[in-house]
Amino acid sequence: MGNLMKIVGLVQGAVGALGTAPTGLDNVIKTAQGGDIFNLISGVALGFLGMKGSSAQQKVGIPAISGLNGIVGLLGLLGANNPLAALQMNNGTAGSLINIAISAIGFISTFMKKKAA
């Protein structure tokens, strides 16, 4: 679970960082400033849990962050992409699908059984 979350966290954090850049990726994946900041923070948290988090921290933290990603993605797909007037999350389907995919990966990795060595 840790190695997968390390990779997912680094990728999501990079997407968030690139989205906040002046000529950012946000125009391509249709995220807004709120979505970019969320991706950056969520990616750092998942990356930290994957790299340094204990098993207990991963069991609690990964589902929580995955759930938040799922909520952000579903709100975007349902057209409620601006729940906070000043902090729009996603401007299109691609950003929402990214959040849903990260949510699914997080939940699947949480509930996968570890293989016996």
PDB file of N, CA and C in Angstrom:
ATOM      1  N   MET A   1       0.833  -1.190   0.000  1.00  0.00           N
ATOM      2  CA  MET A   1       0.000   0.000   0.000  1.00  0.00           C
ATOM      3  C   MET A   1       0.876   1.251   0.000  1.00  0.00           C
ATOM      4  N   GLY A   2       1.963   1.218   0.749  1.00  0.00           N
ATOM      5  CA  GLY A   2       2.817   2.389   0.870  1.00  0.00           C
ATOM      6  C   GLY A   2       3.446   2.817  -0.445  1.00  0.00           C
ATOM      7  N   ASN A   3       3.978   1.856  -1.191  1.00  0.00           N
ATOM      8  CA  ASN A   3       4.640   2.206  -2.452  1.00  0.00           C
ATOM      9  C   ASN A   3       3.665   2.784  -3.460  1.00  0.00           C
ATOM     10  N   LEU A   4       2.470   2.212  -3.543  1.00  0.00           N
ATOM     11  CA  LEU A   4       1.466   2.718  -4.468  1.00  0.00           C
ATOM     12  C   LEU A   4       1.040   4.131  -4.083  1.00  0.00           C
ATOM     13  N   MET A   5       0.816   4.367  -2.793  1.00  0.00           N
ATOM     14  CA  MET A   5       0.391   5.698  -2.354  1.00  0.00           C
ATOM     15  C   MET A   5       1.511   6.722  -2.516  1.00  0.00           C
ATOM     16  N   LYS A   6       2.743   6.267  -2.393  1.00  0.00           N
ATOM     17  CA  LYS A   6       3.872   7.168  -2.623  1.00  0.00           C
ATOM     18  C   LYS A   6       3.837   7.674  -4.061  1.00  0.00           C
ATOM     19  N   ILE A   7       3.613   6.770  -4.999  1.00  0.00           N
ATOM     20  CA  ILE A   7       3.567   7.134  -6.416  1.00  0.00           C
ATOM     21  C   ILE A   7       2.351   7.997  -6.715  1.00  0.00           C
ATOM     22  N   VAL A   8       1.172   7.571  -6.227  1.00  0.00           N
ATOM     23  CA  VAL A   8      -0.058   8.330  -6.471  1.00  0.00           C
ATOM     24  C   VAL A   8       0.057   9.729  -5.862  1.00  0.00           C
ATOM     25  N   GLY A   9       0.595   9.801  -4.656  1.00  0.00           N
ATOM     26  CA  GLY A   9       0.755  11.088  -3.995  1.00  0.00           C
ATOM     27  C   GLY A   9       1.689  12.014  -4.750  1.00  0.00           C
ATOM     28  N   LEU A  10       2.797  11.467  -5.212  1.00  0.00           N
ATOM     29  CA  LEU A  10       3.749  12.290  -5.960  1.00  0.00           C
ATOM     30  C   LEU A  10       3.141  12.782  -7.275  1.00  0.00           C
ATOM     31  N   VAL A  11       2.390  11.915  -7.950  1.00  0.00           N
ATOM     32  CA  VAL A  11       1.755  12.311  -9.209  1.00  0.00           C
ATOM     33  C   VAL A  11       0.687  13.373  -8.952  1.00  0.00           C
ATOM     34  N   GLN A  12      -0.165  13.156  -7.948  1.00  0.00           N
ATOM     35  CA  GLN A  12      -1.210  14.138  -7.670  1.00  0.00           C
ATOM     36  C   GLN A  12      -0.607  15.464  -7.208  1.00  0.00           C
ATOM     37  N   GLY A  13       0.424  15.401  -6.390  1.00  0.00           N
ATOM     38  CA  GLY A  13       1.097  16.629  -5.960  1.00  0.00           C
ATOM     39  C   GLY A  13       1.709  17.375  -7.133  1.00  0.00           C
ATOM     40  N   ALA A  14       2.304  16.625  -8.066  1.00  0.00           N
ATOM     41  CA  ALA A  14       2.889  17.256  -9.256  1.00  0.00           C
ATOM     42  C   ALA A  14       1.814  17.904 -10.119  1.00  0.00           C
ATOM     43  N   VAL A  15       0.664  17.234 -10.263  1.00  0.00           N
ATOM     44  CA  VAL A  15      -0.446  17.807 -11.033  1.00  0.00           C
ATOM     45  C   VAL A  15      -0.901  19.107 -10.378  1.00  0.00           C
ATOM     46  N   GLY A  16      -1.015  19.103  -9.054  1.00  0.00           N
ATOM     47  CA  GLY A  16      -1.406  20.318  -8.344  1.00  0.00           C
ATOM     48  C   GLY A  16      -0.387  21.432  -8.498  1.00  0.00           C
ATOM     49  N   ALA A  17       0.893  21.079  -8.390  1.00  0.00           N
ATOM     50  CA  ALA A  17       1.950  22.082  -8.536  1.00  0.00           C
ATOM     51  C   ALA A  17       1.983  22.656  -9.950  1.00  0.00           C
ATOM     52  N   LEU A  18       1.855  21.775 -10.942  1.00  0.00           N
ATOM     53  CA  LEU A  18       1.852  22.248 -12.331  1.00  0.00           C
ATOM     54  C   LEU A  18       0.616  23.089 -12.630  1.00  0.00           C
ATOM     55  N   GLY A  19      -0.484  22.777 -11.976  1.00  0.00           N
ATOM     56  CA  GLY A  19      -1.705  23.554 -12.169  1.00  0.00           C
ATOM     57  C   GLY A  19      -1.605  24.956 -11.593  1.00  0.00           C
ATOM     58  N   THR A  20      -0.811  25.121 -10.550  1.00  0.00           N
ATOM     59  CA  THR A  20      -0.664  26.442  -9.940  1.00  0.00           C
ATOM     60  C   THR A  20       0.401  27.288 -10.631  1.00  0.00           C
ATOM     61  N   ALA A  21       1.177  26.701 -11.521  1.00  0.00           N
ATOM     62  CA  ALA A  21       2.208  27.445 -12.245  1.00  0.00           C
ATOM     63  C   ALA A  21       1.550  28.486 -13.153  1.00  0.00           C
ATOM     64  N   PRO A  22       2.247  29.591 -13.444  1.00  0.00           N
ATOM     65  CA  PRO A  22       1.645  30.656 -14.257  1.00  0.00           C
ATOM     66  C   PRO A  22       1.052  30.187 -15.590  1.00  0.00           C
ATOM     67  N   THR A  23       1.736  29.339 -16.297  1.00  0.00           N
ATOM     68  CA  THR A  23       1.180  28.772 -17.531  1.00  0.00           C
ATOM     69  C   THR A  23       0.855  27.318 -17.236  1.00  0.00           C
ATOM     70  N   GLY A  24      -0.016  27.126 -16.284  1.00  0.00           N
ATOM     71  CA  GLY A  24      -0.222  25.839 -15.669  1.00  0.00           C
ATOM     72  C   GLY A  24      -0.973  24.812 -16.487  1.00  0.00           C
ATOM     73  N   LEU A  25      -0.952  23.627 -15.951  1.00  0.00           N
ATOM     74  CA  LEU A  25      -1.625  22.475 -16.510  1.00  0.00           C
ATOM     75  C   LEU A  25      -3.140  22.572 -16.325  1.00  0.00           C
ATOM     76  N   ASP A  26      -3.579  23.530 -15.503  1.00  0.00           N
ATOM     77  CA  ASP A  26      -5.000  23.639 -15.193  1.00  0.00           C
ATOM     78  C   ASP A  26      -5.858  23.886 -16.435  1.00  0.00           C
ATOM     79  N   ASN A  27      -5.320  24.519 -17.451  1.00  0.00           N
ATOM     80  CA  ASN A  27      -6.075  24.733 -18.690  1.00  0.00           C
ATOM     81  C   ASN A  27      -6.287  23.430 -19.455  1.00  0.00           C
ATOM     82  N   VAL A  28      -5.368  22.497 -19.307  1.00  0.00           N
ATOM     83  CA  VAL A  28      -5.457  21.228 -20.013  1.00  0.00           C
ATOM     84  C   VAL A  28      -6.422  20.278 -19.309  1.00  0.00           C
ATOM     85  N   ILE A  29      -6.270  20.133 -17.980  1.00  0.00           N
ATOM     86  CA  ILE A  29      -7.108  19.184 -17.251  1.00  0.00           C
ATOM     87  C   ILE A  29      -8.354  19.831 -16.662  1.00  0.00           C
ATOM     88  N   LYS A  30      -8.518  21.101 -16.871  1.00  0.00           N
ATOM     89  CA  LYS A  30      -9.716  21.844 -16.456  1.00  0.00           C
ATOM     90  C   LYS A  30      -9.935  21.855 -14.950  1.00  0.00           C
ATOM     91  N   THR A  31      -8.859  22.045 -14.204  1.00  0.00           N
ATOM     92  CA  THR A  31      -9.007  22.289 -12.782  1.00  0.00           C
ATOM     93  C   THR A  31      -9.010  23.791 -12.565  1.00  0.00           C
ATOM     94  N   ALA A  32      -9.510  24.199 -11.441  1.00  0.00           N
ATOM     95  CA  ALA A  32      -9.485  25.608 -11.076  1.00  0.00           C
ATOM     96  C   ALA A  32      -8.493  25.771  -9.929  1.00  0.00           C
ATOM     97  N   GLN A  33      -8.322  26.980  -9.461  1.00  0.00           N
ATOM     98  CA  GLN A  33      -7.339  27.232  -8.417  1.00  0.00           C
ATOM     99  C   GLN A  33      -7.585  26.368  -7.185  1.00  0.00           C
ATOM    100  N   GLY A  34      -8.824  26.229  -6.783  1.00  0.00           N
ATOM    101  CA  GLY A  34      -9.131  25.387  -5.625  1.00  0.00           C
ATOM    102  C   GLY A  34      -8.744  23.940  -5.846  1.00  0.00           C
ATOM    103  N   GLY A  35      -8.999  23.427  -7.048  1.00  0.00           N
ATOM    104  CA  GLY A  35      -8.636  22.055  -7.374  1.00  0.00           C
ATOM    105  C   GLY A  35      -7.136  21.851  -7.398  1.00  0.00           C
ATOM    106  N   ASP A  36      -6.418  22.837  -7.906  1.00  0.00           N
ATOM    107  CA  ASP A  36      -4.961  22.738  -7.934  1.00  0.00           C
ATOM    108  C   ASP A  36      -4.382  22.709  -6.520  1.00  0.00           C
ATOM    109  N   ILE A  37      -4.896  23.577  -5.669  1.00  0.00           N
ATOM    110  CA  ILE A  37      -4.430  23.608  -4.277  1.00  0.00           C
ATOM    111  C   ILE A  37      -4.801  22.308  -3.576  1.00  0.00           C
ATOM    112  N   PHE A  38      -6.029  21.821  -3.800  1.00  0.00           N
ATOM    113  CA  PHE A  38      -6.453  20.555  -3.206  1.00  0.00           C
ATOM    114  C   PHE A  38      -5.556  19.412  -3.673  1.00  0.00           C
ATOM    115  N   ASN A  39      -5.268  19.353  -4.976  1.00  0.00           N
ATOM    116  CA  ASN A  39      -4.402  18.293  -5.502  1.00  0.00           C
ATOM    117  C   ASN A  39      -3.004  18.365  -4.911  1.00  0.00           C
ATOM    118  N   LEU A  40      -2.498  19.553  -4.738  1.00  0.00           N
ATOM    119  CA  LEU A  40      -1.168  19.725  -4.159  1.00  0.00           C
ATOM    120  C   LEU A  40      -1.144  19.220  -2.714  1.00  0.00           C
ATOM    121  N   ILE A  41      -2.107  19.654  -1.912  1.00  0.00           N
ATOM    122  CA  ILE A  41      -2.146  19.251  -0.504  1.00  0.00           C
ATOM    123  C   ILE A  41      -2.445  17.759  -0.370  1.00  0.00           C
ATOM    124  N   SER A  42      -3.420  17.280  -1.126  1.00  0.00           N
ATOM    125  CA  SER A  42      -3.775  15.865  -1.069  1.00  0.00           C
ATOM    126  C   SER A  42      -2.612  14.987  -1.522  1.00  0.00           C
ATOM    127  N   GLY A  43      -1.924  15.402  -2.573  1.00  0.00           N
ATOM    128  CA  GLY A  43      -0.780  14.651  -3.075  1.00  0.00           C
ATOM    129  C   GLY A  43       0.355  14.590  -2.068  1.00  0.00           C
ATOM    130  N   VAL A  44       0.626  15.707  -1.416  1.00  0.00           N
ATOM    131  CA  VAL A  44       1.676  15.726  -0.395  1.00  0.00           C
ATOM    132  C   VAL A  44       1.293  14.798   0.763  1.00  0.00           C
ATOM    133  N   ALA A  45       0.022  14.851   1.172  1.00  0.00           N
ATOM    134  CA  ALA A  45      -0.422  13.995   2.275  1.00  0.00           C
ATOM    135  C   ALA A  45      -0.320  12.511   1.903  1.00  0.00           C
ATOM    136  N   LEU A  46      -0.792  12.143   0.710  1.00  0.00           N
ATOM    137  CA  LEU A  46      -0.696  10.744   0.283  1.00  0.00           C
ATOM    138  C   LEU A  46       0.756  10.308   0.126  1.00  0.00           C
ATOM    139  N   GLY A  47       1.567  11.179  -0.441  1.00  0.00           N
ATOM    140  CA  GLY A  47       2.991  10.869  -0.598  1.00  0.00           C
ATOM    141  C   GLY A  47       3.674  10.664   0.747  1.00  0.00           C
ATOM    142  N   PHE A  48       3.351  11.532   1.705  1.00  0.00           N
ATOM    143  CA  PHE A  48       3.927  11.389   3.044  1.00  0.00           C
ATOM    144  C   PHE A  48       3.495  10.070   3.683  1.00  0.00           C
ATOM    145  N   LEU A  49       2.199   9.764   3.589  1.00  0.00           N
ATOM    146  CA  LEU A  49       1.718   8.509   4.159  1.00  0.00           C
ATOM    147  C   LEU A  49       2.398   7.312   3.495  1.00  0.00           C
ATOM    148  N   GLY A  50       2.598   7.387   2.185  1.00  0.00           N
ATOM    149  CA  GLY A  50       3.251   6.294   1.468  1.00  0.00           C
ATOM    150  C   GLY A  50       4.717   6.142   1.810  1.00  0.00           C
ATOM    151  N   MET A  51       5.389   7.254   2.078  1.00  0.00           N
ATOM    152  CA  MET A  51       6.828   7.201   2.353  1.00  0.00           C
ATOM    153  C   MET A  51       7.150   7.022   3.827  1.00  0.00           C
ATOM    154  N   LYS A  52       6.488   7.777   4.670  1.00  0.00           N
ATOM    155  CA  LYS A  52       6.865   7.828   6.082  1.00  0.00           C
ATOM    156  C   LYS A  52       5.772   7.350   7.036  1.00  0.00           C
ATOM    157  N   GLY A  53       4.558   7.166   6.539  1.00  0.00           N
ATOM    158  CA  GLY A  53       3.449   6.832   7.420  1.00  0.00           C
ATOM    159  C   GLY A  53       3.525   5.424   7.966  1.00  0.00           C
ATOM    160  N   SER A  54       3.158   5.284   9.219  1.00  0.00           N
ATOM    161  CA  SER A  54       3.091   3.950   9.820  1.00  0.00           C
ATOM    162  C   SER A  54       1.870   3.224   9.264  1.00  0.00           C
ATOM    163  N   SER A  55       1.786   1.952   9.530  1.00  0.00           N
ATOM    164  CA  SER A  55       0.653   1.167   9.054  1.00  0.00           C
ATOM    165  C   SER A  55      -0.661   1.711   9.614  1.00  0.00           C
ATOM    166  N   ALA A  56      -0.661   2.092  10.869  1.00  0.00           N
ATOM    167  CA  ALA A  56      -1.871   2.644  11.495  1.00  0.00           C
ATOM    168  C   ALA A  56      -2.258   3.981  10.857  1.00  0.00           C
ATOM    169  N   GLN A  57      -1.266   4.821  10.579  1.00  0.00           N
ATOM    170  CA  GLN A  57      -1.546   6.098   9.928  1.00  0.00           C
ATOM    171  C   GLN A  57      -2.097   5.880   8.526  1.00  0.00           C
ATOM    172  N   GLN A  58      -1.557   4.917   7.806  1.00  0.00           N
ATOM    173  CA  GLN A  58      -2.034   4.628   6.461  1.00  0.00           C
ATOM    174  C   GLN A  58      -3.468   4.107   6.483  1.00  0.00           C
ATOM    175  N   LYS A  59      -3.805   3.253   7.460  1.00  0.00           N
ATOM    176  CA  LYS A  59      -5.148   2.686   7.536  1.00  0.00           C
ATOM    177  C   LYS A  59      -6.211   3.747   7.793  1.00  0.00           C
ATOM    178  N   VAL A  60      -5.850   4.826   8.458  1.00  0.00           N
ATOM    179  CA  VAL A  60      -6.792   5.904   8.735  1.00  0.00           C
ATOM    180  C   VAL A  60      -6.684   7.008   7.688  1.00  0.00           C
ATOM    181  N   GLY A  61      -5.466   7.419   7.389  1.00  0.00           N
ATOM    182  CA  GLY A  61      -5.248   8.579   6.527  1.00  0.00           C
ATOM    183  C   GLY A  61      -5.599   8.362   5.070  1.00  0.00           C
ATOM    184  N   ILE A  62      -5.237   7.220   4.523  1.00  0.00           N
ATOM    185  CA  ILE A  62      -5.479   6.976   3.095  1.00  0.00           C
ATOM    186  C   ILE A  62      -6.977   6.926   2.773  1.00  0.00           C
ATOM    187  N   PRO A  63      -7.802   6.207   3.557  1.00  0.00           N
ATOM    188  CA  PRO A  63      -9.239   6.255   3.254  1.00  0.00           C
ATOM    189  C   PRO A  63      -9.842   7.651   3.420  1.00  0.00           C
ATOM    190  N   ALA A  64      -9.355   8.408   4.403  1.00  0.00           N
ATOM    191  CA  ALA A  64      -9.886   9.758   4.612  1.00  0.00           C
ATOM    192  C   ALA A  64      -9.568  10.657   3.418  1.00  0.00           C
ATOM    193  N   ILE A  65      -8.328  10.638   2.972  1.00  0.00           N
ATOM    194  CA  ILE A  65      -7.935  11.474   1.829  1.00  0.00           C
ATOM    195  C   ILE A  65      -8.599  10.965   0.553  1.00  0.00           C
ATOM    196  N   SER A  66      -8.716   9.651   0.429  1.00  0.00           N
ATOM    197  CA  SER A  66      -9.395   9.077  -0.742  1.00  0.00           C
ATOM    198  C   SER A  66     -10.856   9.497  -0.771  1.00  0.00           C
ATOM    199  N   GLY A  67     -11.495   9.499   0.381  1.00  0.00           N
ATOM    200  CA  GLY A  67     -12.884   9.932   0.461  1.00  0.00           C
ATOM    201  C   GLY A  67     -13.055  11.389   0.058  1.00  0.00           C
ATOM    202  N   LEU A  68     -12.150  12.240   0.504  1.00  0.00           N
ATOM    203  CA  LEU A  68     -12.207  13.657   0.104  1.00  0.00           C
ATOM    204  C   LEU A  68     -12.031  13.807  -1.406  1.00  0.00           C
ATOM    205  N   ASN A  69     -11.100  13.034  -1.979  1.00  0.00           N
ATOM    206  CA  ASN A  69     -10.910  13.071  -3.435  1.00  0.00           C
ATOM    207  C   ASN A  69     -12.180  12.641  -4.157  1.00  0.00           C
ATOM    208  N   GLY A  70     -12.827  11.601  -3.637  1.00  0.00           N
ATOM    209  CA  GLY A  70     -14.066  11.125  -4.240  1.00  0.00           C
ATOM    210  C   GLY A  70     -15.170  12.170  -4.188  1.00  0.00           C
ATOM    211  N   ILE A  71     -15.296  12.843  -3.048  1.00  0.00           N
ATOM    212  CA  ILE A  71     -16.318  13.887  -2.902  1.00  0.00           C
ATOM    213  C   ILE A  71     -16.064  15.027  -3.882  1.00  0.00           C
ATOM    214  N   VAL A  72     -14.821  15.477  -3.968  1.00  0.00           N
ATOM    215  CA  VAL A  72     -14.483  16.560  -4.899  1.00  0.00           C
ATOM    216  C   VAL A  72     -14.788  16.138  -6.335  1.00  0.00           C
ATOM    217  N   GLY A  73     -14.424  14.910  -6.692  1.00  0.00           N
ATOM    218  CA  GLY A  73     -14.677  14.417  -8.044  1.00  0.00           C
ATOM    219  C   GLY A  73     -16.156  14.291  -8.350  1.00  0.00           C
ATOM    220  N   LEU A  74     -16.920  13.737  -7.424  1.00  0.00           N
ATOM    221  CA  LEU A  74     -18.363  13.576  -7.647  1.00  0.00           C
ATOM    222  C   LEU A  74     -19.074  14.924  -7.729  1.00  0.00           C
ATOM    223  N   LEU A  75     -18.699  15.853  -6.873  1.00  0.00           N
ATOM    224  CA  LEU A  75     -19.310  17.184  -6.940  1.00  0.00           C
ATOM    225  C   LEU A  75     -19.040  17.833  -8.297  1.00  0.00           C
ATOM    226  N   GLY A  76     -17.823  17.638  -8.801  1.00  0.00           N
ATOM    227  CA  GLY A  76     -17.493  18.184 -10.118  1.00  0.00           C
ATOM    228  C   GLY A  76     -18.317  17.555 -11.225  1.00  0.00           C
ATOM    229  N   LEU A  77     -18.471  16.231 -11.175  1.00  0.00           N
ATOM    230  CA  LEU A  77     -19.252  15.542 -12.206  1.00  0.00           C
ATOM    231  C   LEU A  77     -20.738  15.893 -12.140  1.00  0.00           C
ATOM    232  N   LEU A  78     -21.219  16.159 -10.941  1.00  0.00           N
ATOM    233  CA  LEU A  78     -22.629  16.506 -10.776  1.00  0.00           C
ATOM    234  C   LEU A  78     -22.909  17.980 -11.051  1.00  0.00           C
ATOM    235  N   GLY A  79     -21.883  18.730 -11.395  1.00  0.00           N
ATOM    236  CA  GLY A  79     -22.052  20.136 -11.722  1.00  0.00           C
ATOM    237  C   GLY A  79     -22.028  21.048 -10.509  1.00  0.00           C
ATOM    238  N   ALA A  80     -21.806  20.475  -9.348  1.00  0.00           N
ATOM    239  CA  ALA A  80     -21.711  21.287  -8.130  1.00  0.00           C
ATOM    240  C   ALA A  80     -20.243  21.554  -7.849  1.00  0.00           C
ATOM    241  N   ASN A  81     -19.536  22.002  -8.870  1.00  0.00           N
ATOM    242  CA  ASN A  81     -18.082  22.151  -8.764  1.00  0.00           C
ATOM    243  C   ASN A  81     -17.663  23.434  -8.071  1.00  0.00           C
ATOM    244  N   ASN A  82     -18.600  24.159  -7.574  1.00  0.00           N
ATOM    245  CA  ASN A  82     -18.263  25.407  -6.908  1.00  0.00           C
ATOM    246  C   ASN A  82     -18.997  25.515  -5.576  1.00  0.00           C
ATOM    247  N   PRO A  83     -18.777  24.543  -4.662  1.00  0.00           N
ATOM    248  CA  PRO A  83     -19.507  24.586  -3.397  1.00  0.00           C
ATOM    249  C   PRO A  83     -19.124  25.778  -2.528  1.00  0.00           C
ATOM    250  N   LEU A  84     -17.919  26.254  -2.668  1.00  0.00           N
ATOM    251  CA  LEU A  84     -17.474  27.444  -1.959  1.00  0.00           C
ATOM    252  C   LEU A  84     -17.257  28.529  -3.008  1.00  0.00           C
ATOM    253  N   ALA A  85     -18.035  29.565  -2.964  1.00  0.00           N
ATOM    254  CA  ALA A  85     -18.045  30.559  -4.041  1.00  0.00           C
ATOM    255  C   ALA A  85     -16.657  31.078  -4.410  1.00  0.00           C
ATOM    256  N   ALA A  86     -15.790  31.230  -3.438  1.00  0.00           N
ATOM    257  CA  ALA A  86     -14.478  31.810  -3.733  1.00  0.00           C
ATOM    258  C   ALA A  86     -13.433  30.764  -4.110  1.00  0.00           C
ATOM    259  N   LEU A  87     -13.766  29.489  -4.049  1.00  0.00           N
ATOM    260  CA  LEU A  87     -12.762  28.446  -4.266  1.00  0.00           C
ATOM    261  C   LEU A  87     -13.304  27.365  -5.181  1.00  0.00           C
ATOM    262  N   GLN A  88     -13.326  27.658  -6.476  1.00  0.00           N
ATOM    263  CA  GLN A  88     -13.834  26.689  -7.443  1.00  0.00           C
ATOM    264  C   GLN A  88     -12.847  25.542  -7.593  1.00  0.00           C
ATOM    265  N   MET A  89     -13.363  24.311  -7.678  1.00  0.00           N
ATOM    266  CA  MET A  89     -12.508  23.135  -7.700  1.00  0.00           C
ATOM    267  C   MET A  89     -12.161  22.674  -9.112  1.00  0.00           C
ATOM    268  N   ASN A  90     -13.141  22.284  -9.900  1.00  0.00           N
ATOM    269  CA  ASN A  90     -12.886  21.759 -11.240  1.00  0.00           C
ATOM    270  C   ASN A  90     -13.773  22.464 -12.259  1.00  0.00           C
ATOM    271  N   ASN A  91     -13.202  22.751 -13.418  1.00  0.00           N
ATOM    272  CA  ASN A  91     -13.951  23.394 -14.495  1.00  0.00           C
ATOM    273  C   ASN A  91     -14.419  22.397 -15.541  1.00  0.00           C
ATOM    274  N   GLY A  92     -14.107  21.151 -15.379  1.00  0.00           N
ATOM    275  CA  GLY A  92     -14.473  20.169 -16.400  1.00  0.00           C
ATOM    276  C   GLY A  92     -14.400  18.752 -15.884  1.00  0.00           C
ATOM    277  N   THR A  93     -14.701  17.832 -16.763  1.00  0.00           N
ATOM    278  CA  THR A  93     -14.786  16.420 -16.414  1.00  0.00           C
ATOM    279  C   THR A  93     -13.423  15.823 -16.076  1.00  0.00           C
ATOM    280  N   ALA A  94     -12.373  16.215 -16.779  1.00  0.00           N
ATOM    281  CA  ALA A  94     -11.059  15.590 -16.577  1.00  0.00           C
ATOM    282  C   ALA A  94     -10.566  15.748 -15.144  1.00  0.00           C
ATOM    283  N   GLY A  95     -10.647  16.939 -14.586  1.00  0.00           N
ATOM    284  CA  GLY A  95     -10.214  17.157 -13.209  1.00  0.00           C
ATOM    285  C   GLY A  95     -11.012  16.323 -12.229  1.00  0.00           C
ATOM    286  N   SER A  96     -12.320  16.217 -12.470  1.00  0.00           N
ATOM    287  CA  SER A  96     -13.180  15.419 -11.600  1.00  0.00           C
ATOM    288  C   SER A  96     -12.824  13.937 -11.692  1.00  0.00           C
ATOM    289  N   LEU A  97     -12.555  13.458 -12.905  1.00  0.00           N
ATOM    290  CA  LEU A  97     -12.199  12.056 -13.087  1.00  0.00           C
ATOM    291  C   LEU A  97     -10.864  11.722 -12.431  1.00  0.00           C
ATOM    292  N   ILE A  98      -9.943  12.669 -12.429  1.00  0.00           N
ATOM    293  CA  ILE A  98      -8.660  12.461 -11.748  1.00  0.00           C
ATOM    294  C   ILE A  98      -8.904  12.245 -10.263  1.00  0.00           C
ATOM    295  N   ASN A  99      -9.743  13.099  -9.659  1.00  0.00           N
ATOM    296  CA  ASN A  99     -10.035  12.952  -8.234  1.00  0.00           C
ATOM    297  C   ASN A  99     -10.741  11.633  -7.936  1.00  0.00           C
ATOM    298  N   ILE A 100     -11.659  11.216  -8.799  1.00  0.00           N
ATOM    299  CA  ILE A 100     -12.363   9.948  -8.593  1.00  0.00           C
ATOM    300  C   ILE A 100     -11.395   8.772  -8.743  1.00  0.00           C
ATOM    301  N   ALA A 101     -10.501   8.835  -9.716  1.00  0.00           N
ATOM    302  CA  ALA A 101      -9.523   7.760  -9.903  1.00  0.00           C
ATOM    303  C   ALA A 101      -8.603   7.641  -8.694  1.00  0.00           C
ATOM    304  N   ILE A 102      -8.157   8.763  -8.160  1.00  0.00           N
ATOM    305  CA  ILE A 102      -7.293   8.736  -6.981  1.00  0.00           C
ATOM    306  C   ILE A 102      -8.059   8.157  -5.800  1.00  0.00           C
ATOM    307  N   SER A 103      -9.321   8.509  -5.677  1.00  0.00           N
ATOM    308  CA  SER A 103     -10.160   7.956  -4.620  1.00  0.00           C
ATOM    309  C   SER A 103     -10.273   6.445  -4.747  1.00  0.00           C
ATOM    310  N   ALA A 104     -10.546   5.973  -5.948  1.00  0.00           N
ATOM    311  CA  ALA A 104     -10.691   4.533  -6.171  1.00  0.00           C
ATOM    312  C   ALA A 104      -9.388   3.792  -5.874  1.00  0.00           C
ATOM    313  N   ILE A 105      -8.280   4.328  -6.339  1.00  0.00           N
ATOM    314  CA  ILE A 105      -6.978   3.691  -6.086  1.00  0.00           C
ATOM    315  C   ILE A 105      -6.709   3.633  -4.589  1.00  0.00           C
ATOM    316  N   GLY A 106      -7.012   4.713  -3.885  1.00  0.00           N
ATOM    317  CA  GLY A 106      -6.792   4.746  -2.442  1.00  0.00           C
ATOM    318  C   GLY A 106      -7.621   3.709  -1.703  1.00  0.00           C
ATOM    319  N   PHE A 107      -8.909   3.619  -2.052  1.00  0.00           N
ATOM    320  CA  PHE A 107      -9.764   2.644  -1.378  1.00  0.00           C
ATOM    321  C   PHE A 107      -9.383   1.211  -1.742  1.00  0.00           C
ATOM    322  N   ILE A 108      -9.069   0.974  -2.989  1.00  0.00           N
ATOM    323  CA  ILE A 108      -8.676  -0.380  -3.402  1.00  0.00           C
ATOM    324  C   ILE A 108      -7.393  -0.794  -2.696  1.00  0.00           C
ATOM    325  N   SER A 109      -6.421   0.103  -2.643  1.00  0.00           N
ATOM    326  CA  SER A 109      -5.155  -0.247  -2.000  1.00  0.00           C
ATOM    327  C   SER A 109      -5.322  -0.443  -0.497  1.00  0.00           C
ATOM    328  N   THR A 110      -6.261   0.254   0.099  1.00  0.00           N
ATOM    329  CA  THR A 110      -6.501   0.098   1.531  1.00  0.00           C
ATOM    330  C   THR A 110      -7.051  -1.275   1.857  1.00  0.00           C
ATOM    331  N   PHE A 111      -7.918  -1.766   0.995  1.00  0.00           N
ATOM    332  CA  PHE A 111      -8.595  -3.021   1.296  1.00  0.00           C
ATOM    333  C   PHE A 111      -7.965  -4.244   0.634  1.00  0.00           C
ATOM    334  N   MET A 112      -6.888  -4.041  -0.136  1.00  0.00           N
ATOM    335  CA  MET A 112      -6.181  -5.174  -0.721  1.00  0.00           C
ATOM    336  C   MET A 112      -5.450  -5.916   0.393  1.00  0.00           C
ATOM    337  N   LYS A 113      -5.481  -7.214   0.336  1.00  0.00           N
ATOM    338  CA  LYS A 113      -4.757  -8.007   1.331  1.00  0.00           C
ATOM    339  C   LYS A 113      -3.296  -8.065   0.936  1.00  0.00           C
ATOM    340  N   LYS A 114      -2.450  -7.958   1.957  1.00  0.00           N
ATOM    341  CA  LYS A 114      -1.022  -8.091   1.700  1.00  0.00           C
ATOM    342  C   LYS A 114      -0.708  -9.536   1.369  1.00  0.00           C
ATOM    343  N   LYS A 115       0.126  -9.728   0.352  1.00  0.00           N
ATOM    344  CA  LYS A 115       0.526 -11.080  -0.032  1.00  0.00           C
ATOM    345  C   LYS A 115       1.560 -11.596   0.967  1.00  0.00           C
ATOM    346  N   ALA A 116       1.438 -12.850   1.288  1.00  0.00           N
ATOM    347  CA  ALA A 116       2.413 -13.464   2.205  1.00  0.00           C
ATOM    348  C   ALA A 116       3.742 -13.612   1.497  1.00  0.00           C
ATOM    349  N   ALA A 117       4.796 -13.301   2.194  1.00  0.00           N
ATOM    350  CA  ALA A 117       6.126 -13.363   1.593  1.00  0.00           C
ATOM    351  C   ALA A 117       6.640 -14.772   1.534  1.00  0.00           C
TER     352      ALA A 117
END
